[in-house]
Amino acid sequence: EGRTNYADSVKGRFTISRDNAKNTVYLQMNSLKPEDTAVYY
């Protein structure tokens, strides 16, 4: 339905979006910081 939940550490920098028809989710990550370094699942 489009409800979102973000970690406090990424609010204002990351944006999640979703195309239900394509069963695809996206994560736009802006203003990246070294502490964002990780494996993303």
PDB file of all heavy atoms in Angstrom:
ATOM      1  N   GLU A   1       0.809  -1.227   0.000  1.00  0.00           N
ATOM      2  CA  GLU A   1       0.000   0.000   0.000  1.00  0.00           C
ATOM      3  C   GLU A   1       0.841   1.275   0.000  1.00  0.00           C
ATOM      4  O   GLU A   1       0.298   2.370  -0.078  1.00  0.00           O
ATOM      5  CB  GLU A   1      -0.916   0.005   1.232  1.00  0.00           C
ATOM      6  CG  GLU A   1      -1.929  -1.133   1.258  1.00  0.00           C
ATOM      7  CD  GLU A   1      -1.320  -2.433   1.717  1.00  0.00           C
ATOM      8  OE1 GLU A   1      -0.210  -2.406   2.302  1.00  0.00           O
ATOM      9  OE2 GLU A   1      -1.935  -3.495   1.489  1.00  0.00           O
ATOM     10  N   GLY A   2       2.157   1.111   0.115  1.00  0.00           N
ATOM     11  CA  GLY A   2       3.020   2.280   0.054  1.00  0.00           C
ATOM     12  C   GLY A   2       3.493   2.815   1.383  1.00  0.00           C
ATOM     13  O   GLY A   2       4.159   3.853   1.440  1.00  0.00           O
ATOM     14  N   ARG A   3       3.141   2.148   2.461  1.00  0.00           N
ATOM     15  CA  ARG A   3       3.644   2.589   3.765  1.00  0.00           C
ATOM     16  C   ARG A   3       5.127   2.257   3.878  1.00  0.00           C
ATOM     17  O   ARG A   3       5.554   1.192   3.463  1.00  0.00           O
ATOM     18  CB  ARG A   3       2.862   1.929   4.892  1.00  0.00           C
ATOM     19  CG  ARG A   3       1.423   2.395   4.998  1.00  0.00           C
ATOM     20  CD  ARG A   3       0.775   1.853   6.252  1.00  0.00           C
ATOM     21  NE  ARG A   3       0.713   0.400   6.247  1.00  0.00           N
ATOM     22  CZ  ARG A   3      -0.310  -0.298   5.750  1.00  0.00           C
ATOM     23  NH1 ARG A   3      -1.325   0.329   5.195  1.00  0.00           N
ATOM     24  NH2 ARG A   3      -0.298  -1.615   5.799  1.00  0.00           N
ATOM     25  N   THR A   4       5.875   3.177   4.448  1.00  0.00           N
ATOM     26  CA  THR A   4       7.320   3.004   4.533  1.00  0.00           C
ATOM     27  C   THR A   4       7.815   3.085   5.970  1.00  0.00           C
ATOM     28  O   THR A   4       7.166   3.678   6.845  1.00  0.00           O
ATOM     29  CB  THR A   4       8.055   4.070   3.706  1.00  0.00           C
ATOM     30  OG1 THR A   4       7.707   5.372   4.193  1.00  0.00           O
ATOM     31  CG2 THR A   4       7.698   3.971   2.236  1.00  0.00           C
ATOM     32  N   ASN A   5       8.965   2.509   6.172  1.00  0.00           N
ATOM     33  CA  ASN A   5       9.645   2.584   7.459  1.00  0.00           C
ATOM     34  C   ASN A   5      11.140   2.682   7.161  1.00  0.00           C
ATOM     35  O   ASN A   5      11.682   1.858   6.420  1.00  0.00           O
ATOM     36  CB  ASN A   5       9.351   1.361   8.318  1.00  0.00           C
ATOM     37  CG  ASN A   5       9.930   1.500   9.712  1.00  0.00           C
ATOM     38  OD1 ASN A   5      10.103   2.604  10.230  1.00  0.00           O
ATOM     39  ND2 ASN A   5      10.231   0.381  10.344  1.00  0.00           N
ATOM     40  N   TYR A   6      11.783   3.702   7.721  1.00  0.00           N
ATOM     41  CA  TYR A   6      13.199   3.931   7.484  1.00  0.00           C
ATOM     42  C   TYR A   6      13.971   3.871   8.796  1.00  0.00           C
ATOM     43  O   TYR A   6      13.479   4.273   9.855  1.00  0.00           O
ATOM     44  CB  TYR A   6      13.435   5.321   6.892  1.00  0.00           C
ATOM     45  CG  TYR A   6      12.975   5.514   5.468  1.00  0.00           C
ATOM     46  CD1 TYR A   6      11.702   5.994   5.197  1.00  0.00           C
ATOM     47  CD2 TYR A   6      13.832   5.259   4.405  1.00  0.00           C
ATOM     48  CE1 TYR A   6      11.287   6.192   3.883  1.00  0.00           C
ATOM     49  CE2 TYR A   6      13.429   5.466   3.093  1.00  0.00           C
ATOM     50  CZ  TYR A   6      12.154   5.934   2.852  1.00  0.00           C
ATOM     51  OH  TYR A   6      11.753   6.144   1.546  1.00  0.00           O
ATOM     52  N   ALA A   7      15.212   3.436   8.694  1.00  0.00           N
ATOM     53  CA  ALA A   7      16.112   3.577   9.832  1.00  0.00           C
ATOM     54  C   ALA A   7      16.401   5.070  10.031  1.00  0.00           C
ATOM     55  O   ALA A   7      16.503   5.821   9.051  1.00  0.00           O
ATOM     56  CB  ALA A   7      17.411   2.833   9.576  1.00  0.00           C
ATOM     57  N   ASP A   8      16.545   5.470  11.276  1.00  0.00           N
ATOM     58  CA  ASP A   8      16.808   6.889  11.561  1.00  0.00           C
ATOM     59  C   ASP A   8      18.078   7.361  10.856  1.00  0.00           C
ATOM     60  O   ASP A   8      18.162   8.522  10.422  1.00  0.00           O
ATOM     61  CB  ASP A   8      16.945   7.106  13.063  1.00  0.00           C
ATOM     62  CG  ASP A   8      15.613   7.004  13.784  1.00  0.00           C
ATOM     63  OD1 ASP A   8      14.564   7.097  13.115  1.00  0.00           O
ATOM     64  OD2 ASP A   8      15.626   6.829  15.020  1.00  0.00           O
ATOM     65  N   SER A   9      19.044   6.483  10.732  1.00  0.00           N
ATOM     66  CA  SER A   9      20.341   6.869  10.174  1.00  0.00           C
ATOM     67  C   SER A   9      20.290   7.199   8.687  1.00  0.00           C
ATOM     68  O   SER A   9      21.225   7.813   8.161  1.00  0.00           O
ATOM     69  CB  SER A   9      21.366   5.754  10.409  1.00  0.00           C
ATOM     70  OG  SER A   9      20.934   4.551   9.789  1.00  0.00           O
ATOM     71  N   VAL A  10      19.210   6.812   8.007  1.00  0.00           N
ATOM     72  CA  VAL A  10      19.136   7.053   6.560  1.00  0.00           C
ATOM     73  C   VAL A  10      18.007   8.005   6.183  1.00  0.00           C
ATOM     74  O   VAL A  10      17.882   8.373   5.009  1.00  0.00           O
ATOM     75  CB  VAL A  10      18.986   5.733   5.771  1.00  0.00           C
ATOM     76  CG1 VAL A  10      20.082   4.754   6.154  1.00  0.00           C
ATOM     77  CG2 VAL A  10      17.609   5.114   5.953  1.00  0.00           C
ATOM     78  N   LYS A  11      17.201   8.404   7.137  1.00  0.00           N
ATOM     79  CA  LYS A  11      16.090   9.304   6.840  1.00  0.00           C
ATOM     80  C   LYS A  11      16.608  10.604   6.232  1.00  0.00           C
ATOM     81  O   LYS A  11      17.583  11.179   6.705  1.00  0.00           O
ATOM     82  CB  LYS A  11      15.292   9.601   8.114  1.00  0.00           C
ATOM     83  CG  LYS A  11      14.409   8.463   8.570  1.00  0.00           C
ATOM     84  CD  LYS A  11      13.643   8.817   9.836  1.00  0.00           C
ATOM     85  CE  LYS A  11      12.762   7.660  10.284  1.00  0.00           C
ATOM     86  NZ  LYS A  11      12.066   7.951  11.558  1.00  0.00           N
ATOM     87  N   GLY A  12      15.952  11.022   5.159  1.00  0.00           N
ATOM     88  CA  GLY A  12      16.354  12.240   4.485  1.00  0.00           C
ATOM     89  C   GLY A  12      17.429  12.029   3.439  1.00  0.00           C
ATOM     90  O   GLY A  12      17.706  12.935   2.636  1.00  0.00           O
ATOM     91  N   ARG A  13      18.045  10.860   3.426  1.00  0.00           N
ATOM     92  CA  ARG A  13      19.102  10.569   2.437  1.00  0.00           C
ATOM     93  C   ARG A  13      18.707   9.434   1.490  1.00  0.00           C
ATOM     94  O   ARG A  13      19.064   9.459   0.317  1.00  0.00           O
ATOM     95  CB  ARG A  13      20.400  10.192   3.160  1.00  0.00           C
ATOM     96  CG  ARG A  13      20.946  11.274   4.071  1.00  0.00           C
ATOM     97  CD  ARG A  13      22.332  10.907   4.608  1.00  0.00           C
ATOM     98  NE  ARG A  13      22.321   9.687   5.406  1.00  0.00           N
ATOM     99  CZ  ARG A  13      23.054   8.619   5.138  1.00  0.00           C
ATOM    100  NH1 ARG A  13      23.838   8.595   4.083  1.00  0.00           N
ATOM    101  NH2 ARG A  13      22.995   7.548   5.925  1.00  0.00           N
ATOM    102  N   PHE A  14      18.009   8.447   2.006  1.00  0.00           N
ATOM    103  CA  PHE A  14      17.610   7.284   1.211  1.00  0.00           C
ATOM    104  C   PHE A  14      16.116   7.347   0.935  1.00  0.00           C
ATOM    105  O   PHE A  14      15.336   7.801   1.779  1.00  0.00           O
ATOM    106  CB  PHE A  14      17.906   5.988   1.955  1.00  0.00           C
ATOM    107  CG  PHE A  14      19.364   5.658   2.135  1.00  0.00           C
ATOM    108  CD1 PHE A  14      20.369   6.575   1.836  1.00  0.00           C
ATOM    109  CD2 PHE A  14      19.736   4.418   2.628  1.00  0.00           C
ATOM    110  CE1 PHE A  14      21.697   6.276   2.011  1.00  0.00           C
ATOM    111  CE2 PHE A  14      21.070   4.086   2.805  1.00  0.00           C
ATOM    112  CZ  PHE A  14      22.049   5.023   2.505  1.00  0.00           C
ATOM    113  N   THR A  15      15.730   6.843  -0.227  1.00  0.00           N
ATOM    114  CA  THR A  15      14.322   6.781  -0.597  1.00  0.00           C
ATOM    115  C   THR A  15      14.014   5.408  -1.169  1.00  0.00           C
ATOM    116  O   THR A  15      14.678   4.970  -2.121  1.00  0.00           O
ATOM    117  CB  THR A  15      13.960   7.850  -1.627  1.00  0.00           C
ATOM    118  OG1 THR A  15      14.276   9.149  -1.102  1.00  0.00           O
ATOM    119  CG2 THR A  15      12.473   7.802  -1.958  1.00  0.00           C
ATOM    120  N   ILE A  16      13.022   4.764  -0.597  1.00  0.00           N
ATOM    121  CA  ILE A  16      12.590   3.464  -1.109  1.00  0.00           C
ATOM    122  C   ILE A  16      11.375   3.673  -2.008  1.00  0.00           C
ATOM    123  O   ILE A  16      10.530   4.518  -1.743  1.00  0.00           O
ATOM    124  CB  ILE A  16      12.273   2.489   0.044  1.00  0.00           C
ATOM    125  CG1 ILE A  16      12.047   1.076  -0.493  1.00  0.00           C
ATOM    126  CG2 ILE A  16      11.098   2.976   0.878  1.00  0.00           C
ATOM    127  CD1 ILE A  16      11.959   0.018   0.600  1.00  0.00           C
ATOM    128  N   SER A  17      11.326   2.894  -3.075  1.00  0.00           N
ATOM    129  CA  SER A  17      10.167   2.927  -3.961  1.00  0.00           C
ATOM    130  C   SER A  17       9.918   1.514  -4.461  1.00  0.00           C
ATOM    131  O   SER A  17      10.772   0.633  -4.325  1.00  0.00           O
ATOM    132  CB  SER A  17      10.387   3.898  -5.124  1.00  0.00           C
ATOM    133  OG  SER A  17      11.517   3.515  -5.894  1.00  0.00           O
ATOM    134  N   ARG A  18       8.749   1.343  -5.025  1.00  0.00           N
ATOM    135  CA  ARG A  18       8.354  -0.017  -5.370  1.00  0.00           C
ATOM    136  C   ARG A  18       7.454   0.014  -6.591  1.00  0.00           C
ATOM    137  O   ARG A  18       6.580   0.880  -6.710  1.00  0.00           O
ATOM    138  CB  ARG A  18       7.630  -0.646  -4.175  1.00  0.00           C
ATOM    139  CG  ARG A  18       7.237  -2.082  -4.316  1.00  0.00           C
ATOM    140  CD  ARG A  18       6.719  -2.593  -2.969  1.00  0.00           C
ATOM    141  NE  ARG A  18       6.063  -3.870  -3.154  1.00  0.00           N
ATOM    142  CZ  ARG A  18       5.538  -4.593  -2.162  1.00  0.00           C
ATOM    143  NH1 ARG A  18       5.603  -4.137  -0.914  1.00  0.00           N
ATOM    144  NH2 ARG A  18       4.963  -5.743  -2.397  1.00  0.00           N
ATOM    145  N   ASP A  19       7.672  -0.927  -7.487  1.00  0.00           N
ATOM    146  CA  ASP A  19       6.799  -1.126  -8.640  1.00  0.00           C
ATOM    147  C   ASP A  19       6.128  -2.479  -8.445  1.00  0.00           C
ATOM    148  O   ASP A  19       6.740  -3.528  -8.705  1.00  0.00           O
ATOM    149  CB  ASP A  19       7.627  -1.092  -9.928  1.00  0.00           C
ATOM    150  CG  ASP A  19       6.769  -1.141 -11.179  1.00  0.00           C
ATOM    151  OD1 ASP A  19       5.659  -1.721 -11.114  1.00  0.00           O
ATOM    152  OD2 ASP A  19       7.191  -0.629 -12.210  1.00  0.00           O
ATOM    153  N   ASN A  20       4.902  -2.463  -7.961  1.00  0.00           N
ATOM    154  CA  ASN A  20       4.214  -3.720  -7.653  1.00  0.00           C
ATOM    155  C   ASN A  20       3.978  -4.562  -8.899  1.00  0.00           C
ATOM    156  O   ASN A  20       4.010  -5.785  -8.849  1.00  0.00           O
ATOM    157  CB  ASN A  20       2.898  -3.437  -6.948  1.00  0.00           C
ATOM    158  CG  ASN A  20       3.091  -2.860  -5.563  1.00  0.00           C
ATOM    159  OD1 ASN A  20       4.052  -3.187  -4.867  1.00  0.00           O
ATOM    160  ND2 ASN A  20       2.187  -1.990  -5.140  1.00  0.00           N
ATOM    161  N   ALA A  21       3.728  -3.905 -10.010  1.00  0.00           N
ATOM    162  CA  ALA A  21       3.472  -4.638 -11.248  1.00  0.00           C
ATOM    163  C   ALA A  21       4.705  -5.428 -11.695  1.00  0.00           C
ATOM    164  O   ALA A  21       4.585  -6.496 -12.303  1.00  0.00           O
ATOM    165  CB  ALA A  21       3.053  -3.678 -12.350  1.00  0.00           C
ATOM    166  N   LYS A  22       5.885  -4.895 -11.377  1.00  0.00           N
ATOM    167  CA  LYS A  22       7.126  -5.554 -11.750  1.00  0.00           C
ATOM    168  C   LYS A  22       7.742  -6.343 -10.601  1.00  0.00           C
ATOM    169  O   LYS A  22       8.821  -6.913 -10.751  1.00  0.00           O
ATOM    170  CB  LYS A  22       8.138  -4.524 -12.254  1.00  0.00           C
ATOM    171  CG  LYS A  22       7.724  -3.820 -13.533  1.00  0.00           C
ATOM    172  CD  LYS A  22       8.810  -2.844 -13.984  1.00  0.00           C
ATOM    173  CE  LYS A  22       8.421  -2.161 -15.279  1.00  0.00           C
ATOM    174  NZ  LYS A  22       9.465  -1.187 -15.732  1.00  0.00           N
ATOM    175  N   ASN A  23       7.075  -6.335  -9.449  1.00  0.00           N
ATOM    176  CA  ASN A  23       7.633  -7.019  -8.268  1.00  0.00           C
ATOM    177  C   ASN A  23       9.061  -6.565  -7.985  1.00  0.00           C
ATOM    178  O   ASN A  23       9.944  -7.365  -7.661  1.00  0.00           O
ATOM    179  CB  ASN A  23       7.630  -8.550  -8.470  1.00  0.00           C
ATOM    180  CG  ASN A  23       6.371  -9.197  -7.937  1.00  0.00           C
ATOM    181  OD1 ASN A  23       5.587  -8.571  -7.236  1.00  0.00           O
ATOM    182  ND2 ASN A  23       6.180 -10.445  -8.277  1.00  0.00           N
ATOM    183  N   THR A  24       9.273  -5.269  -8.090  1.00  0.00           N
ATOM    184  CA  THR A  24      10.617  -4.708  -7.940  1.00  0.00           C
ATOM    185  C   THR A  24      10.601  -3.590  -6.910  1.00  0.00           C
ATOM    186  O   THR A  24       9.672  -2.785  -6.871  1.00  0.00           O
ATOM    187  CB  THR A  24      11.133  -4.172  -9.284  1.00  0.00           C
ATOM    188  OG1 THR A  24      11.167  -5.247 -10.232  1.00  0.00           O
ATOM    189  CG2 THR A  24      12.535  -3.600  -9.141  1.00  0.00           C
ATOM    190  N   VAL A  25      11.637  -3.581  -6.093  1.00  0.00           N
ATOM    191  CA  VAL A  25      11.816  -2.520  -5.110  1.00  0.00           C
ATOM    192  C   VAL A  25      13.161  -1.849  -5.375  1.00  0.00           C
ATOM    193  O   VAL A  25      14.117  -2.495  -5.788  1.00  0.00           O
ATOM    194  CB  VAL A  25      11.735  -3.074  -3.670  1.00  0.00           C
ATOM    195  CG1 VAL A  25      12.886  -4.023  -3.359  1.00  0.00           C
ATOM    196  CG2 VAL A  25      11.662  -1.952  -2.655  1.00  0.00           C
ATOM    197  N   TYR A  26      13.180  -0.539  -5.140  1.00  0.00           N
ATOM    198  CA  TYR A  26      14.382   0.250  -5.389  1.00  0.00           C
ATOM    199  C   TYR A  26      14.800   0.974  -4.113  1.00  0.00           C
ATOM    200  O   TYR A  26      13.965   1.271  -3.252  1.00  0.00           O
ATOM    201  CB  TYR A  26      14.122   1.292  -6.479  1.00  0.00           C
ATOM    202  CG  TYR A  26      13.559   0.715  -7.754  1.00  0.00           C
ATOM    203  CD1 TYR A  26      12.181   0.671  -7.968  1.00  0.00           C
ATOM    204  CD2 TYR A  26      14.394   0.206  -8.740  1.00  0.00           C
ATOM    205  CE1 TYR A  26      11.655   0.138  -9.127  1.00  0.00           C
ATOM    206  CE2 TYR A  26      13.877  -0.324  -9.913  1.00  0.00           C
ATOM    207  CZ  TYR A  26      12.504  -0.351 -10.096  1.00  0.00           C
ATOM    208  OH  TYR A  26      11.983  -0.888 -11.249  1.00  0.00           O
ATOM    209  N   LEU A  27      16.073   1.282  -4.040  1.00  0.00           N
ATOM    210  CA  LEU A  27      16.568   2.100  -2.938  1.00  0.00           C
ATOM    211  C   LEU A  27      17.501   3.145  -3.532  1.00  0.00           C
ATOM    212  O   LEU A  27      18.595   2.816  -3.999  1.00  0.00           O
ATOM    213  CB  LEU A  27      17.305   1.259  -1.896  1.00  0.00           C
ATOM    214  CG  LEU A  27      17.742   2.020  -0.648  1.00  0.00           C
ATOM    215  CD1 LEU A  27      16.520   2.452   0.178  1.00  0.00           C
ATOM    216  CD2 LEU A  27      18.686   1.178   0.209  1.00  0.00           C
ATOM    217  N   GLN A  28      17.049   4.382  -3.538  1.00  0.00           N
ATOM    218  CA  GLN A  28      17.875   5.493  -3.981  1.00  0.00           C
ATOM    219  C   GLN A  28      18.648   6.010  -2.781  1.00  0.00           C
ATOM    220  O   GLN A  28      18.040   6.433  -1.794  1.00  0.00           O
ATOM    221  CB  GLN A  28      17.021   6.604  -4.574  1.00  0.00           C
ATOM    222  CG  GLN A  28      17.811   7.824  -5.031  1.00  0.00           C
ATOM    223  CD  GLN A  28      18.739   7.520  -6.188  1.00  0.00           C
ATOM    224  OE1 GLN A  28      18.367   6.827  -7.136  1.00  0.00           O
ATOM    225  NE2 GLN A  28      19.962   8.029  -6.121  1.00  0.00           N
ATOM    226  N   MET A  29      19.959   5.963  -2.870  1.00  0.00           N
ATOM    227  CA  MET A  29      20.809   6.356  -1.754  1.00  0.00           C
ATOM    228  C   MET A  29      21.614   7.590  -2.148  1.00  0.00           C
ATOM    229  O   MET A  29      22.431   7.524  -3.068  1.00  0.00           O
ATOM    230  CB  MET A  29      21.754   5.209  -1.373  1.00  0.00           C
ATOM    231  CG  MET A  29      21.029   3.913  -1.053  1.00  0.00           C
ATOM    232  SD  MET A  29      22.128   2.606  -0.468  1.00  0.00           S
ATOM    233  CE  MET A  29      23.082   2.296  -1.949  1.00  0.00           C
ATOM    234  N   ASN A  30      21.349   8.678  -1.479  1.00  0.00           N
ATOM    235  CA  ASN A  30      22.045   9.938  -1.734  1.00  0.00           C
ATOM    236  C   ASN A  30      22.876  10.333  -0.517  1.00  0.00           C
ATOM    237  O   ASN A  30      22.660   9.821   0.589  1.00  0.00           O
ATOM    238  CB  ASN A  30      21.054  11.040  -2.071  1.00  0.00           C
ATOM    239  CG  ASN A  30      20.251  10.758  -3.315  1.00  0.00           C
ATOM    240  OD1 ASN A  30      20.732  10.114  -4.255  1.00  0.00           O
ATOM    241  ND2 ASN A  30      19.015  11.227  -3.343  1.00  0.00           N
ATOM    242  N   SER A  31      23.794  11.255  -0.726  1.00  0.00           N
ATOM    243  CA  SER A  31      24.642  11.755   0.366  1.00  0.00           C
ATOM    244  C   SER A  31      25.245  10.604   1.158  1.00  0.00           C
ATOM    245  O   SER A  31      25.215  10.592   2.398  1.00  0.00           O
ATOM    246  CB  SER A  31      23.819  12.669   1.291  1.00  0.00           C
ATOM    247  OG  SER A  31      23.274  13.749   0.589  1.00  0.00           O
ATOM    248  N   LEU A  32      25.801   9.669   0.456  1.00  0.00           N
ATOM    249  CA  LEU A  32      26.338   8.468   1.106  1.00  0.00           C
ATOM    250  C   LEU A  32      27.519   8.808   1.997  1.00  0.00           C
ATOM    251  O   LEU A  32      28.314   9.713   1.709  1.00  0.00           O
ATOM    252  CB  LEU A  32      26.748   7.440   0.052  1.00  0.00           C
ATOM    253  CG  LEU A  32      25.567   6.657  -0.541  1.00  0.00           C
ATOM    254  CD1 LEU A  32      25.931   6.025  -1.865  1.00  0.00           C
ATOM    255  CD2 LEU A  32      25.098   5.597   0.446  1.00  0.00           C
ATOM    256  N   LYS A  33      27.612   8.057   3.097  1.00  0.00           N
ATOM    257  CA  LYS A  33      28.665   8.246   4.082  1.00  0.00           C
ATOM    258  C   LYS A  33      29.470   6.953   4.213  1.00  0.00           C
ATOM    259  O   LYS A  33      28.940   5.864   3.929  1.00  0.00           O
ATOM    260  CB  LYS A  33      28.055   8.585   5.442  1.00  0.00           C
ATOM    261  CG  LYS A  33      27.137   9.784   5.442  1.00  0.00           C
ATOM    262  CD  LYS A  33      26.489   9.973   6.817  1.00  0.00           C
ATOM    263  CE  LYS A  33      25.547  11.164   6.827  1.00  0.00           C
ATOM    264  NZ  LYS A  33      24.910  11.344   8.161  1.00  0.00           N
ATOM    265  N   PRO A  34      30.710   7.051   4.674  1.00  0.00           N
ATOM    266  CA  PRO A  34      31.493   5.814   4.865  1.00  0.00           C
ATOM    267  C   PRO A  34      30.785   4.801   5.765  1.00  0.00           C
ATOM    268  O   PRO A  34      30.913   3.586   5.549  1.00  0.00           O
ATOM    269  CB  PRO A  34      32.786   6.335   5.502  1.00  0.00           C
ATOM    270  CG  PRO A  34      32.935   7.715   4.949  1.00  0.00           C
ATOM    271  CD  PRO A  34      31.532   8.253   4.880  1.00  0.00           C
ATOM    272  N   GLU A  35      30.022   5.270   6.729  1.00  0.00           N
ATOM    273  CA  GLU A  35      29.320   4.354   7.623  1.00  0.00           C
ATOM    274  C   GLU A  35      28.157   3.634   6.956  1.00  0.00           C
ATOM    275  O   GLU A  35      27.543   2.745   7.563  1.00  0.00           O
ATOM    276  CB  GLU A  35      28.833   5.077   8.886  1.00  0.00           C
ATOM    277  CG  GLU A  35      28.065   6.349   8.629  1.00  0.00           C
ATOM    278  CD  GLU A  35      28.943   7.591   8.725  1.00  0.00           C
ATOM    279  OE1 GLU A  35      30.086   7.573   8.199  1.00  0.00           O
ATOM    280  OE2 GLU A  35      28.472   8.591   9.312  1.00  0.00           O
ATOM    281  N   ASP A  36      27.831   3.998   5.728  1.00  0.00           N
ATOM    282  CA  ASP A  36      26.828   3.261   4.957  1.00  0.00           C
ATOM    283  C   ASP A  36      27.416   2.026   4.296  1.00  0.00           C
ATOM    284  O   ASP A  36      26.682   1.219   3.713  1.00  0.00           O
ATOM    285  CB  ASP A  36      26.212   4.152   3.877  1.00  0.00           C
ATOM    286  CG  ASP A  36      25.409   5.306   4.446  1.00  0.00           C
ATOM    287  OD1 ASP A  36      24.657   5.087   5.418  1.00  0.00           O
ATOM    288  OD2 ASP A  36      25.528   6.431   3.903  1.00  0.00           O
ATOM    289  N   THR A  37      28.729   1.869   4.380  1.00  0.00           N
ATOM    290  CA  THR A  37      29.384   0.714   3.788  1.00  0.00           C
ATOM    291  C   THR A  37      28.876  -0.579   4.426  1.00  0.00           C
ATOM    292  O   THR A  37      28.896  -0.725   5.650  1.00  0.00           O
ATOM    293  CB  THR A  37      30.906   0.813   3.965  1.00  0.00           C
ATOM    294  OG1 THR A  37      31.384   1.930   3.218  1.00  0.00           O
ATOM    295  CG2 THR A  37      31.588  -0.460   3.479  1.00  0.00           C
ATOM    296  N   ALA A  38      28.387  -1.483   3.597  1.00  0.00           N
ATOM    297  CA  ALA A  38      27.810  -2.740   4.085  1.00  0.00           C
ATOM    298  C   ALA A  38      27.397  -3.589   2.891  1.00  0.00           C
ATOM    299  O   ALA A  38      27.399  -3.118   1.751  1.00  0.00           O
ATOM    300  CB  ALA A  38      26.592  -2.463   4.961  1.00  0.00           C
ATOM    301  N   VAL A  39      27.015  -4.817   3.188  1.00  0.00           N
ATOM    302  CA  VAL A  39      26.313  -5.632   2.201  1.00  0.00           C
ATOM    303  C   VAL A  39      24.827  -5.359   2.380  1.00  0.00           C
ATOM    304  O   VAL A  39      24.302  -5.468   3.499  1.00  0.00           O
ATOM    305  CB  VAL A  39      26.608  -7.131   2.382  1.00  0.00           C
ATOM    306  CG1 VAL A  39      25.811  -7.942   1.367  1.00  0.00           C
ATOM    307  CG2 VAL A  39      28.100  -7.401   2.231  1.00  0.00           C
ATOM    308  N   TYR A  40      24.188  -4.994   1.305  1.00  0.00           N
ATOM    309  CA  TYR A  40      22.761  -4.662   1.342  1.00  0.00           C
ATOM    310  C   TYR A  40      21.964  -5.854   0.820  1.00  0.00           C
ATOM    311  O   TYR A  40      22.234  -6.367  -0.272  1.00  0.00           O
ATOM    312  CB  TYR A  40      22.492  -3.416   0.498  1.00  0.00           C
ATOM    313  CG  TYR A  40      22.917  -2.157   1.198  1.00  0.00           C
ATOM    314  CD1 TYR A  40      24.264  -1.872   1.413  1.00  0.00           C
ATOM    315  CD2 TYR A  40      21.976  -1.244   1.677  1.00  0.00           C
ATOM    316  CE1 TYR A  40      24.670  -0.725   2.082  1.00  0.00           C
ATOM    317  CE2 TYR A  40      22.362  -0.088   2.337  1.00  0.00           C
ATOM    318  CZ  TYR A  40      23.711   0.157   2.538  1.00  0.00           C
ATOM    319  OH  TYR A  40      24.095   1.293   3.204  1.00  0.00           O
ATOM    320  N   TYR A  41      20.977  -6.251   1.612  1.00  0.00           N
ATOM    321  CA  TYR A  41      20.155  -7.407   1.285  1.00  0.00           C
ATOM    322  C   TYR A  41      18.712  -6.976   1.036  1.00  0.00           C
ATOM    323  O   TYR A  41      18.139  -6.203   1.803  1.00  0.00           O
ATOM    324  CB  TYR A  41      20.164  -8.414   2.429  1.00  0.00           C
ATOM    325  CG  TYR A  41      21.498  -9.042   2.702  1.00  0.00           C
ATOM    326  CD1 TYR A  41      22.364  -8.486   3.639  1.00  0.00           C
ATOM    327  CD2 TYR A  41      21.897 -10.197   2.041  1.00  0.00           C
ATOM    328  CE1 TYR A  41      23.601  -9.055   3.897  1.00  0.00           C
ATOM    329  CE2 TYR A  41      23.126 -10.784   2.303  1.00  0.00           C
ATOM    330  CZ  TYR A  41      23.973 -10.206   3.229  1.00  0.00           C
ATOM    331  OH  TYR A  41      25.185 -10.778   3.488  1.00  0.00           O
TER     332      TYR A  41
END
